[in-house]
């Protein structure tokens, strides 16, 4: 088969040809195209339906030509920056296998910080009313539903395609969610909740990192301006939709904790605090709406 031209300096021994298409050589080809070791193994493992350990133990095994052709194409897609999850069609999040595509953000491990915090705020018994504002793939809502089966969880999104993705994931996982179409709180009318969670768009319009995220939906990444417009909308309207002593938990940028805390306190929230993500960066902020009898 004909392969994409190798970069200058690429070893011919590392470029598979018609007579040498084994696992190890195709992994070397992926590395030569700029993929890191983790992505190379994940992508070839996806095509072969094999785990990483099998690839390592069978590096001399031949790769069927049809699979090799698809793998070579997908190596180019990844080299051009397309998320691995879009290429394979799935991503693991909080122990769940989720379908993802270009209509939704790829779930990040850092967002598990928000899920873990929300689970602490949800009693193991009982049936709290919970809303996930801007659910995307449904990652947060489904992770909560998986761990708190009695909770009544509503997942909202302004994107119909995103809601369709979340609904597909819920069906695949056998988890029950309610879905509502609309922007932030508008989607739920006059409903009130014990807990509201959201990973809203928060990247500032001038942030240079946006260029690296060009394959993902811009409206789910940045609201423009300083990146806090969506947070402002959610915080300002939250009191109308939270029961007394209800919680609001938001994900935000690593440098936005102080601003988000300020917005919550001005809106009247109490017990406002921030937690760090896996890298030790301030990533999520929560506040509790006071009991009306205490105001």
C-alpha atoms as a PDB file:
ATOM      1  CA  UNK A   1       0.000   0.000   0.000  1.00  0.00           C
ATOM      2  CA  UNK A   2       1.089   3.593  -0.438  1.00  0.00           C
ATOM      3  CA  UNK A   3       1.762   5.530   2.741  1.00  0.00           C
ATOM      4  CA  UNK A   4       1.803   9.283   3.315  1.00  0.00           C
ATOM      5  CA  UNK A   5       5.235  10.732   2.641  1.00  0.00           C
ATOM      6  CA  UNK A   6       7.517  10.521   5.661  1.00  0.00           C
ATOM      7  CA  UNK A   7       8.905  13.645   7.234  1.00  0.00           C
ATOM      8  CA  UNK A   8      12.509  14.518   6.519  1.00  0.00           C
ATOM      9  CA  UNK A   9      14.756  12.489   8.762  1.00  0.00           C
ATOM     10  CA  UNK A  10      12.238   9.695   9.271  1.00  0.00           C
ATOM     11  CA  UNK A  11      13.980   6.342   9.292  1.00  0.00           C
ATOM     12  CA  UNK A  12      12.980   4.124   6.411  1.00  0.00           C
ATOM     13  CA  UNK A  13      13.152   1.193   8.808  1.00  0.00           C
ATOM     14  CA  UNK A  14      10.333   2.767  10.811  1.00  0.00           C
ATOM     15  CA  UNK A  15       8.057   3.265   7.815  1.00  0.00           C
ATOM     16  CA  UNK A  16       5.973   0.173   6.996  1.00  0.00           C
ATOM     17  CA  UNK A  17       5.867  -0.973   3.399  1.00  0.00           C
ATOM     18  CA  UNK A  18       4.124  -3.716   1.468  1.00  0.00           C
ATOM     19  CA  UNK A  19       6.416  -6.382   2.913  1.00  0.00           C
ATOM     20  CA  UNK A  20       6.572  -5.186   6.548  1.00  0.00           C
ATOM     21  CA  UNK A  21       3.363  -4.157   8.250  1.00  0.00           C
ATOM     22  CA  UNK A  22       3.699  -5.435  11.777  1.00  0.00           C
ATOM     23  CA  UNK A  23       2.436  -3.859  14.983  1.00  0.00           C
ATOM     24  CA  UNK A  24       5.778  -2.429  16.067  1.00  0.00           C
ATOM     25  CA  UNK A  25       6.461  -0.776  12.727  1.00  0.00           C
ATOM     26  CA  UNK A  26       3.035   0.819  12.576  1.00  0.00           C
ATOM     27  CA  UNK A  27       3.503   2.171  16.092  1.00  0.00           C
ATOM     28  CA  UNK A  28       6.848   3.619  14.978  1.00  0.00           C
ATOM     29  CA  UNK A  29       5.121   5.174  11.984  1.00  0.00           C
ATOM     30  CA  UNK A  30       2.610   6.854  14.286  1.00  0.00           C
ATOM     31  CA  UNK A  31       5.420   8.270  16.412  1.00  0.00           C
ATOM     32  CA  UNK A  32       7.152   9.532  13.283  1.00  0.00           C
ATOM     33  CA  UNK A  33       3.954  11.362  12.324  1.00  0.00           C
ATOM     34  CA  UNK A  34       4.038  13.205  15.664  1.00  0.00           C
ATOM     35  CA  UNK A  35       1.746  11.079  17.843  1.00  0.00           C
ATOM     36  CA  UNK A  36       2.875  10.461  21.392  1.00  0.00           C
ATOM     37  CA  UNK A  37       3.237   6.898  22.651  1.00  0.00           C
ATOM     38  CA  UNK A  38      -0.108   6.878  24.474  1.00  0.00           C
ATOM     39  CA  UNK A  39      -2.071   8.053  21.434  1.00  0.00           C
ATOM     40  CA  UNK A  40      -0.240   5.689  19.094  1.00  0.00           C
ATOM     41  CA  UNK A  41      -1.097   2.678  21.235  1.00  0.00           C
ATOM     42  CA  UNK A  42      -4.655   3.839  21.822  1.00  0.00           C
ATOM     43  CA  UNK A  43      -5.296   4.417  18.128  1.00  0.00           C
ATOM     44  CA  UNK A  44      -3.827   1.137  16.893  1.00  0.00           C
ATOM     45  CA  UNK A  45      -5.493  -0.699  19.761  1.00  0.00           C
ATOM     46  CA  UNK A  46      -8.799   0.820  18.700  1.00  0.00           C
ATOM     47  CA  UNK A  47      -8.401  -0.438  15.147  1.00  0.00           C
ATOM     48  CA  UNK A  48      -7.232  -3.892  16.209  1.00  0.00           C
ATOM     49  CA  UNK A  49      -9.641  -4.085  19.169  1.00  0.00           C
ATOM     50  CA  UNK A  50      -6.724  -4.954  21.425  1.00  0.00           C
ATOM     51  CA  UNK A  51      -5.388  -3.623  24.733  1.00  0.00           C
ATOM     52  CA  UNK A  52      -2.011  -1.894  25.050  1.00  0.00           C
ATOM     53  CA  UNK A  53      -0.478  -4.934  26.709  1.00  0.00           C
ATOM     54  CA  UNK A  54      -1.339  -7.090  23.726  1.00  0.00           C
ATOM     55  CA  UNK A  55       0.282  -4.605  21.331  1.00  0.00           C
ATOM     56  CA  UNK A  56       3.506  -4.659  23.337  1.00  0.00           C
ATOM     57  CA  UNK A  57       3.578  -8.455  23.496  1.00  0.00           C
ATOM     58  CA  UNK A  58       2.744  -8.876  19.791  1.00  0.00           C
ATOM     59  CA  UNK A  59       4.830  -6.142  18.171  1.00  0.00           C
ATOM     60  CA  UNK A  60       5.997  -8.556  15.439  1.00  0.00           C
ATOM     61  CA  UNK A  61       2.472  -9.603  14.480  1.00  0.00           C
ATOM     62  CA  UNK A  62       1.315  -8.417  11.030  1.00  0.00           C
ATOM     63  CA  UNK A  63      -1.420  -5.806  10.748  1.00  0.00           C
ATOM     64  CA  UNK A  64      -4.052  -6.613   8.095  1.00  0.00           C
ATOM     65  CA  UNK A  65      -3.832  -4.299   5.117  1.00  0.00           C
ATOM     66  CA  UNK A  66      -7.343  -2.848   5.464  1.00  0.00           C
ATOM     67  CA  UNK A  67      -6.731  -1.979   9.121  1.00  0.00           C
ATOM     68  CA  UNK A  68      -3.293  -0.566   8.306  1.00  0.00           C
ATOM     69  CA  UNK A  69      -4.832   1.738   5.695  1.00  0.00           C
ATOM     70  CA  UNK A  70      -7.435   3.092   8.128  1.00  0.00           C
ATOM     71  CA  UNK A  71      -4.802   3.471  10.836  1.00  0.00           C
ATOM     72  CA  UNK A  72      -2.514   5.477   8.522  1.00  0.00           C
ATOM     73  CA  UNK A  73      -5.378   7.857   7.683  1.00  0.00           C
ATOM     74  CA  UNK A  74      -6.259   8.303  11.342  1.00  0.00           C
ATOM     75  CA  UNK A  75      -2.629   8.982  12.210  1.00  0.00           C
ATOM     76  CA  UNK A  76      -2.766  11.944   9.852  1.00  0.00           C
ATOM     77  CA  UNK A  77      -6.001  13.178  11.439  1.00  0.00           C
ATOM     78  CA  UNK A  78      -4.429  13.026  14.892  1.00  0.00           C
ATOM     79  CA  UNK A  79      -1.224  14.661  13.650  1.00  0.00           C
ATOM     80  CA  UNK A  80      -3.346  17.590  12.439  1.00  0.00           C
ATOM     81  CA  UNK A  81      -4.753  18.066  15.927  1.00  0.00           C
ATOM     82  CA  UNK A  82      -8.093  16.278  15.781  1.00  0.00           C
ATOM     83  CA  UNK A  83      -8.905  14.894  19.244  1.00  0.00           C
ATOM     84  CA  UNK A  84      -8.318  11.181  19.631  1.00  0.00           C
ATOM     85  CA  UNK A  85     -11.822  10.832  21.062  1.00  0.00           C
ATOM     86  CA  UNK A  86     -13.366  12.156  17.839  1.00  0.00           C
ATOM     87  CA  UNK A  87     -11.353   9.678  15.799  1.00  0.00           C
ATOM     88  CA  UNK A  88     -12.242   6.664  17.925  1.00  0.00           C
ATOM     89  CA  UNK A  89     -15.741   7.953  18.713  1.00  0.00           C
ATOM     90  CA  UNK A  90     -15.547   7.516  22.466  1.00  0.00           C
ATOM     91  CA  UNK A  91     -13.939   8.721  25.674  1.00  0.00           C
ATOM     92  CA  UNK A  92     -13.823   7.305  29.191  1.00  0.00           C
ATOM     93  CA  UNK A  93     -15.017   9.625  31.939  1.00  0.00           C
ATOM     94  CA  UNK A  94     -15.440   8.763  35.617  1.00  0.00           C
ATOM     95  CA  UNK A  95     -15.454   5.072  34.749  1.00  0.00           C
ATOM     96  CA  UNK A  96     -18.063   5.424  31.992  1.00  0.00           C
ATOM     97  CA  UNK A  97     -17.500   4.897  28.274  1.00  0.00           C
ATOM     98  CA  UNK A  98     -19.097   7.831  26.455  1.00  0.00           C
ATOM     99  CA  UNK A  99     -19.751   8.390  22.780  1.00  0.00           C
ATOM    100  CA  UNK A 100     -18.418  11.746  21.619  1.00  0.00           C
ATOM    101  CA  UNK A 101     -18.223  13.660  18.374  1.00  0.00           C
ATOM    102  CA  UNK A 102     -17.592  17.161  17.009  1.00  0.00           C
ATOM    103  CA  UNK A 103     -20.925  18.450  18.397  1.00  0.00           C
ATOM    104  CA  UNK A 104     -19.639  18.183  21.980  1.00  0.00           C
ATOM    105  CA  UNK A 105     -16.509  18.862  23.978  1.00  0.00           C
ATOM    106  CA  UNK A 106     -14.235  15.949  24.735  1.00  0.00           C
ATOM    107  CA  UNK A 107     -14.677  15.239  28.487  1.00  0.00           C
ATOM    108  CA  UNK A 108     -11.519  16.061  30.438  1.00  0.00           C
ATOM    109  CA  UNK A 109     -10.174  14.318  33.536  1.00  0.00           C
ATOM    110  CA  UNK A 110     -10.122  17.665  35.373  1.00  0.00           C
ATOM    111  CA  UNK A 111     -13.921  17.778  35.193  1.00  0.00           C
ATOM    112  CA  UNK A 112     -14.009  14.691  37.398  1.00  0.00           C
ATOM    113  CA  UNK A 113     -13.091  17.118  40.205  1.00  0.00           C
ATOM    114  CA  UNK A 114     -16.498  18.722  39.760  1.00  0.00           C
ATOM    115  CA  UNK A 115     -18.242  15.327  39.714  1.00  0.00           C
ATOM    116  CA  UNK A 116     -16.493  14.154  42.881  1.00  0.00           C
ATOM    117  CA  UNK A 117     -17.429  17.342  44.701  1.00  0.00           C
ATOM    118  CA  UNK A 118     -21.033  17.154  43.532  1.00  0.00           C
ATOM    119  CA  UNK A 119     -21.267  13.547  44.731  1.00  0.00           C
ATOM    120  CA  UNK A 120     -20.132  14.659  48.188  1.00  0.00           C
ATOM    121  CA  UNK A 121     -22.984  17.173  48.227  1.00  0.00           C
ATOM    122  CA  UNK A 122     -25.591  14.606  47.135  1.00  0.00           C
ATOM    123  CA  UNK A 123     -26.836  12.330  49.913  1.00  0.00           C
ATOM    124  CA  UNK A 124     -26.392   8.639  49.187  1.00  0.00           C
ATOM    125  CA  UNK A 125     -30.017   8.176  50.235  1.00  0.00           C
ATOM    126  CA  UNK A 126     -32.914  10.301  49.086  1.00  0.00           C
ATOM    127  CA  UNK A 127     -33.797  11.693  45.697  1.00  0.00           C
ATOM    128  CA  UNK A 128     -32.325  15.179  45.238  1.00  0.00           C
ATOM    129  CA  UNK A 129     -33.277  17.288  42.244  1.00  0.00           C
ATOM    130  CA  UNK A 130     -30.147  18.044  40.208  1.00  0.00           C
ATOM    131  CA  UNK A 131     -29.525  20.021  37.027  1.00  0.00           C
ATOM    132  CA  UNK A 132     -26.490  19.918  34.732  1.00  0.00           C
ATOM    133  CA  UNK A 133     -26.443  23.160  32.749  1.00  0.00           C
ATOM    134  CA  UNK A 134     -24.800  22.775  29.339  1.00  0.00           C
ATOM    135  CA  UNK A 135     -24.455  19.013  29.488  1.00  0.00           C
ATOM    136  CA  UNK A 136     -22.676  18.403  26.162  1.00  0.00           C
ATOM    137  CA  UNK A 137     -22.013  14.667  25.926  1.00  0.00           C
ATOM    138  CA  UNK A 138     -23.837  14.203  29.233  1.00  0.00           C
ATOM    139  CA  UNK A 139     -20.585  13.338  31.004  1.00  0.00           C
ATOM    140  CA  UNK A 140     -21.296  15.094  34.305  1.00  0.00           C
ATOM    141  CA  UNK A 141     -24.995  14.229  34.502  1.00  0.00           C
ATOM    142  CA  UNK A 142     -24.381  10.584  33.627  1.00  0.00           C
ATOM    143  CA  UNK A 143     -21.548  10.212  36.116  1.00  0.00           C
ATOM    144  CA  UNK A 144     -23.853  11.571  38.842  1.00  0.00           C
ATOM    145  CA  UNK A 145     -26.741   9.361  37.718  1.00  0.00           C
ATOM    146  CA  UNK A 146     -24.465   6.322  37.753  1.00  0.00           C
ATOM    147  CA  UNK A 147     -23.485   6.913  41.388  1.00  0.00           C
ATOM    148  CA  UNK A 148     -26.798   8.305  42.677  1.00  0.00           C
ATOM    149  CA  UNK A 149     -29.494   6.185  41.061  1.00  0.00           C
ATOM    150  CA  UNK A 150     -32.391   7.785  42.965  1.00  0.00           C
ATOM    151  CA  UNK A 151     -31.539  11.363  42.032  1.00  0.00           C
ATOM    152  CA  UNK A 152     -33.787  13.248  39.622  1.00  0.00           C
ATOM    153  CA  UNK A 153     -31.326  14.733  37.141  1.00  0.00           C
ATOM    154  CA  UNK A 154     -32.102  17.160  34.331  1.00  0.00           C
ATOM    155  CA  UNK A 155     -29.481  17.701  31.617  1.00  0.00           C
ATOM    156  CA  UNK A 156     -29.794  20.877  29.541  1.00  0.00           C
ATOM    157  CA  UNK A 157     -28.082  22.260  26.480  1.00  0.00           C
ATOM    158  CA  UNK A 158     -28.706  24.987  23.925  1.00  0.00           C
ATOM    159  CA  UNK A 159     -27.452  22.595  21.209  1.00  0.00           C
ATOM    160  CA  UNK A 160     -29.902  20.013  19.955  1.00  0.00           C
ATOM    161  CA  UNK A 161     -27.030  17.934  18.599  1.00  0.00           C
ATOM    162  CA  UNK A 162     -25.385  17.900  22.016  1.00  0.00           C
ATOM    163  CA  UNK A 163     -28.613  16.779  23.676  1.00  0.00           C
ATOM    164  CA  UNK A 164     -28.946  13.997  21.112  1.00  0.00           C
ATOM    165  CA  UNK A 165     -25.415  12.850  21.973  1.00  0.00           C
ATOM    166  CA  UNK A 166     -26.184  12.914  25.705  1.00  0.00           C
ATOM    167  CA  UNK A 167     -29.441  11.019  25.192  1.00  0.00           C
ATOM    168  CA  UNK A 168     -27.617   8.384  23.150  1.00  0.00           C
ATOM    169  CA  UNK A 169     -25.081   7.946  25.944  1.00  0.00           C
ATOM    170  CA  UNK A 170     -27.830   7.663  28.548  1.00  0.00           C
ATOM    171  CA  UNK A 171     -29.553   4.957  26.519  1.00  0.00           C
ATOM    172  CA  UNK A 172     -26.317   3.071  25.920  1.00  0.00           C
ATOM    173  CA  UNK A 173     -25.471   3.128  29.634  1.00  0.00           C
ATOM    174  CA  UNK A 174     -28.989   2.389  30.800  1.00  0.00           C
ATOM    175  CA  UNK A 175     -29.113   5.541  32.927  1.00  0.00           C
ATOM    176  CA  UNK A 176     -32.185   7.681  33.363  1.00  0.00           C
ATOM    177  CA  UNK A 177     -31.974  11.421  32.738  1.00  0.00           C
ATOM    178  CA  UNK A 178     -34.460  14.116  31.810  1.00  0.00           C
ATOM    179  CA  UNK A 179     -33.407  16.440  28.983  1.00  0.00           C
ATOM    180  CA  UNK A 180     -34.288  20.081  28.386  1.00  0.00           C
ATOM    181  CA  UNK A 181     -33.373  22.241  25.408  1.00  0.00           C
ATOM    182  CA  UNK A 182     -32.398  25.851  25.997  1.00  0.00           C
ATOM    183  CA  UNK A 183     -29.786  28.294  27.231  1.00  0.00           C
ATOM    184  CA  UNK A 184     -28.791  27.815  30.853  1.00  0.00           C
ATOM    185  CA  UNK A 185     -31.706  28.299  33.268  1.00  0.00           C
ATOM    186  CA  UNK A 186     -34.151  29.134  30.463  1.00  0.00           C
ATOM    187  CA  UNK A 187     -34.269  25.422  29.683  1.00  0.00           C
ATOM    188  CA  UNK A 188     -35.890  24.480  33.009  1.00  0.00           C
ATOM    189  CA  UNK A 189     -38.599  27.115  33.339  1.00  0.00           C
ATOM    190  CA  UNK A 190     -39.571  27.538  36.986  1.00  0.00           C
ATOM    191  CA  UNK A 191     -38.088  24.278  38.262  1.00  0.00           C
ATOM    192  CA  UNK A 192     -35.980  24.375  41.419  1.00  0.00           C
ATOM    193  CA  UNK A 193     -33.097  22.126  42.427  1.00  0.00           C
ATOM    194  CA  UNK A 194     -31.084  21.009  45.412  1.00  0.00           C
ATOM    195  CA  UNK A 195     -27.899  21.002  43.332  1.00  0.00           C
ATOM    196  CA  UNK A 196     -26.856  22.697  40.102  1.00  0.00           C
ATOM    197  CA  UNK A 197     -23.623  21.861  38.297  1.00  0.00           C
ATOM    198  CA  UNK A 198     -22.091  23.244  35.145  1.00  0.00           C
ATOM    199  CA  UNK A 199     -18.925  23.207  33.076  1.00  0.00           C
ATOM    200  CA  UNK A 200     -19.768  26.307  31.025  1.00  0.00           C
ATOM    201  CA  UNK A 201     -17.611  27.906  28.321  1.00  0.00           C
ATOM    202  CA  UNK A 202     -15.010  29.961  30.162  1.00  0.00           C
ATOM    203  CA  UNK A 203     -12.005  30.508  27.889  1.00  0.00           C
ATOM    204  CA  UNK A 204     -11.360  34.179  27.125  1.00  0.00           C
ATOM    205  CA  UNK A 205     -11.638  35.213  23.482  1.00  0.00           C
ATOM    206  CA  UNK A 206      -7.984  36.291  23.357  1.00  0.00           C
ATOM    207  CA  UNK A 207      -6.631  33.096  24.944  1.00  0.00           C
ATOM    208  CA  UNK A 208      -4.018  31.602  22.578  1.00  0.00           C
ATOM    209  CA  UNK A 209      -5.011  28.072  23.631  1.00  0.00           C
ATOM    210  CA  UNK A 210      -8.235  28.366  21.621  1.00  0.00           C
ATOM    211  CA  UNK A 211      -6.273  27.760  18.417  1.00  0.00           C
ATOM    212  CA  UNK A 212      -5.275  24.318  19.691  1.00  0.00           C
ATOM    213  CA  UNK A 213      -8.940  23.492  20.336  1.00  0.00           C
ATOM    214  CA  UNK A 214     -10.169  24.379  16.851  1.00  0.00           C
ATOM    215  CA  UNK A 215     -11.746  20.962  16.259  1.00  0.00           C
ATOM    216  CA  UNK A 216     -14.125  21.333  19.222  1.00  0.00           C
ATOM    217  CA  UNK A 217     -17.314  23.471  19.225  1.00  0.00           C
ATOM    218  CA  UNK A 218     -16.389  27.102  19.932  1.00  0.00           C
ATOM    219  CA  UNK A 219     -19.660  27.897  21.702  1.00  0.00           C
ATOM    220  CA  UNK A 220     -18.819  25.242  24.295  1.00  0.00           C
ATOM    221  CA  UNK A 221     -15.321  26.642  24.828  1.00  0.00           C
ATOM    222  CA  UNK A 222     -15.608  30.414  24.919  1.00  0.00           C
ATOM    223  CA  UNK A 223     -18.426  32.942  25.438  1.00  0.00           C
ATOM    224  CA  UNK A 224     -16.122  35.669  24.152  1.00  0.00           C
ATOM    225  CA  UNK A 225     -14.785  38.623  26.102  1.00  0.00           C
ATOM    226  CA  UNK A 226     -13.090  37.763  29.370  1.00  0.00           C
ATOM    227  CA  UNK A 227     -14.574  34.269  29.357  1.00  0.00           C
ATOM    228  CA  UNK A 228     -16.905  34.834  32.301  1.00  0.00           C
ATOM    229  CA  UNK A 229     -20.167  35.841  30.606  1.00  0.00           C
ATOM    230  CA  UNK A 230     -21.725  32.367  30.887  1.00  0.00           C
ATOM    231  CA  UNK A 231     -20.689  32.116  34.548  1.00  0.00           C
ATOM    232  CA  UNK A 232     -22.248  35.533  35.208  1.00  0.00           C
ATOM    233  CA  UNK A 233     -25.547  34.441  33.660  1.00  0.00           C
ATOM    234  CA  UNK A 234     -25.642  31.177  35.593  1.00  0.00           C
ATOM    235  CA  UNK A 235     -24.767  32.736  38.957  1.00  0.00           C
ATOM    236  CA  UNK A 236     -27.093  35.716  38.616  1.00  0.00           C
ATOM    237  CA  UNK A 237     -30.182  33.587  37.908  1.00  0.00           C
ATOM    238  CA  UNK A 238     -29.330  30.610  40.114  1.00  0.00           C
ATOM    239  CA  UNK A 239     -31.124  31.910  43.247  1.00  0.00           C
ATOM    240  CA  UNK A 240     -34.496  31.631  41.483  1.00  0.00           C
ATOM    241  CA  UNK A 241     -33.864  27.960  40.773  1.00  0.00           C
ATOM    242  CA  UNK A 242     -32.248  26.654  43.955  1.00  0.00           C
ATOM    243  CA  UNK A 243     -34.011  25.419  47.053  1.00  0.00           C
ATOM    244  CA  UNK A 244     -32.844  26.961  50.339  1.00  0.00           C
ATOM    245  CA  UNK A 245     -29.464  25.404  51.221  1.00  0.00           C
ATOM    246  CA  UNK A 246     -29.071  24.271  47.606  1.00  0.00           C
ATOM    247  CA  UNK A 247     -25.606  24.195  46.026  1.00  0.00           C
ATOM    248  CA  UNK A 248     -24.157  25.606  42.813  1.00  0.00           C
ATOM    249  CA  UNK A 249     -20.882  24.027  41.605  1.00  0.00           C
ATOM    250  CA  UNK A 250     -19.053  25.472  38.599  1.00  0.00           C
ATOM    251  CA  UNK A 251     -15.936  24.550  36.662  1.00  0.00           C
ATOM    252  CA  UNK A 252     -13.809  27.495  35.511  1.00  0.00           C
ATOM    253  CA  UNK A 253     -10.384  28.475  34.266  1.00  0.00           C
ATOM    254  CA  UNK A 254      -7.328  28.036  36.475  1.00  0.00           C
ATOM    255  CA  UNK A 255      -7.013  31.838  36.835  1.00  0.00           C
ATOM    256  CA  UNK A 256     -10.708  32.625  37.388  1.00  0.00           C
ATOM    257  CA  UNK A 257     -11.331  31.312  40.911  1.00  0.00           C
ATOM    258  CA  UNK A 258     -11.215  34.697  42.612  1.00  0.00           C
ATOM    259  CA  UNK A 259     -13.571  36.227  40.047  1.00  0.00           C
ATOM    260  CA  UNK A 260     -16.072  33.357  40.299  1.00  0.00           C
ATOM    261  CA  UNK A 261     -15.972  33.463  44.095  1.00  0.00           C
ATOM    262  CA  UNK A 262     -16.668  37.195  43.917  1.00  0.00           C
ATOM    263  CA  UNK A 263     -19.656  36.701  41.615  1.00  0.00           C
ATOM    264  CA  UNK A 264     -21.139  34.095  43.945  1.00  0.00           C
ATOM    265  CA  UNK A 265     -20.709  36.202  47.062  1.00  0.00           C
ATOM    266  CA  UNK A 266     -22.239  39.289  45.425  1.00  0.00           C
ATOM    267  CA  UNK A 267     -25.224  37.159  44.358  1.00  0.00           C
ATOM    268  CA  UNK A 268     -25.738  36.125  47.990  1.00  0.00           C
ATOM    269  CA  UNK A 269     -24.148  32.670  48.119  1.00  0.00           C
ATOM    270  CA  UNK A 270     -22.525  31.468  51.305  1.00  0.00           C
ATOM    271  CA  UNK A 271     -19.865  28.862  52.118  1.00  0.00           C
ATOM    272  CA  UNK A 272     -18.113  29.772  48.874  1.00  0.00           C
ATOM    273  CA  UNK A 273     -14.918  27.817  48.268  1.00  0.00           C
ATOM    274  CA  UNK A 274     -12.693  26.456  45.499  1.00  0.00           C
ATOM    275  CA  UNK A 275     -11.101  23.080  44.829  1.00  0.00           C
ATOM    276  CA  UNK A 276      -8.036  22.194  42.778  1.00  0.00           C
ATOM    277  CA  UNK A 277      -7.914  19.846  39.804  1.00  0.00           C
ATOM    278  CA  UNK A 278      -5.577  16.899  39.245  1.00  0.00           C
ATOM    279  CA  UNK A 279      -2.738  19.268  38.390  1.00  0.00           C
ATOM    280  CA  UNK A 280      -3.222  21.243  41.605  1.00  0.00           C
ATOM    281  CA  UNK A 281      -4.812  24.216  39.836  1.00  0.00           C
ATOM    282  CA  UNK A 282      -7.971  25.951  41.141  1.00  0.00           C
ATOM    283  CA  UNK A 283     -10.654  24.475  38.883  1.00  0.00           C
ATOM    284  CA  UNK A 284     -14.084  24.379  40.578  1.00  0.00           C
ATOM    285  CA  UNK A 285     -15.931  26.789  42.826  1.00  0.00           C
ATOM    286  CA  UNK A 286     -19.098  26.105  44.812  1.00  0.00           C
ATOM    287  CA  UNK A 287     -21.485  28.146  46.899  1.00  0.00           C
ATOM    288  CA  UNK A 288     -24.564  27.404  48.974  1.00  0.00           C
ATOM    289  CA  UNK A 289     -27.781  29.378  48.721  1.00  0.00           C
ATOM    290  CA  UNK A 290     -28.799  30.339  52.260  1.00  0.00           C
ATOM    291  CA  UNK A 291     -31.894  29.210  54.091  1.00  0.00           C
ATOM    292  CA  UNK A 292     -34.495  31.942  53.622  1.00  0.00           C
ATOM    293  CA  UNK A 293     -35.082  31.902  57.358  1.00  0.00           C
ATOM    294  CA  UNK A 294     -31.508  33.010  57.915  1.00  0.00           C
ATOM    295  CA  UNK A 295     -31.674  36.126  55.789  1.00  0.00           C
END
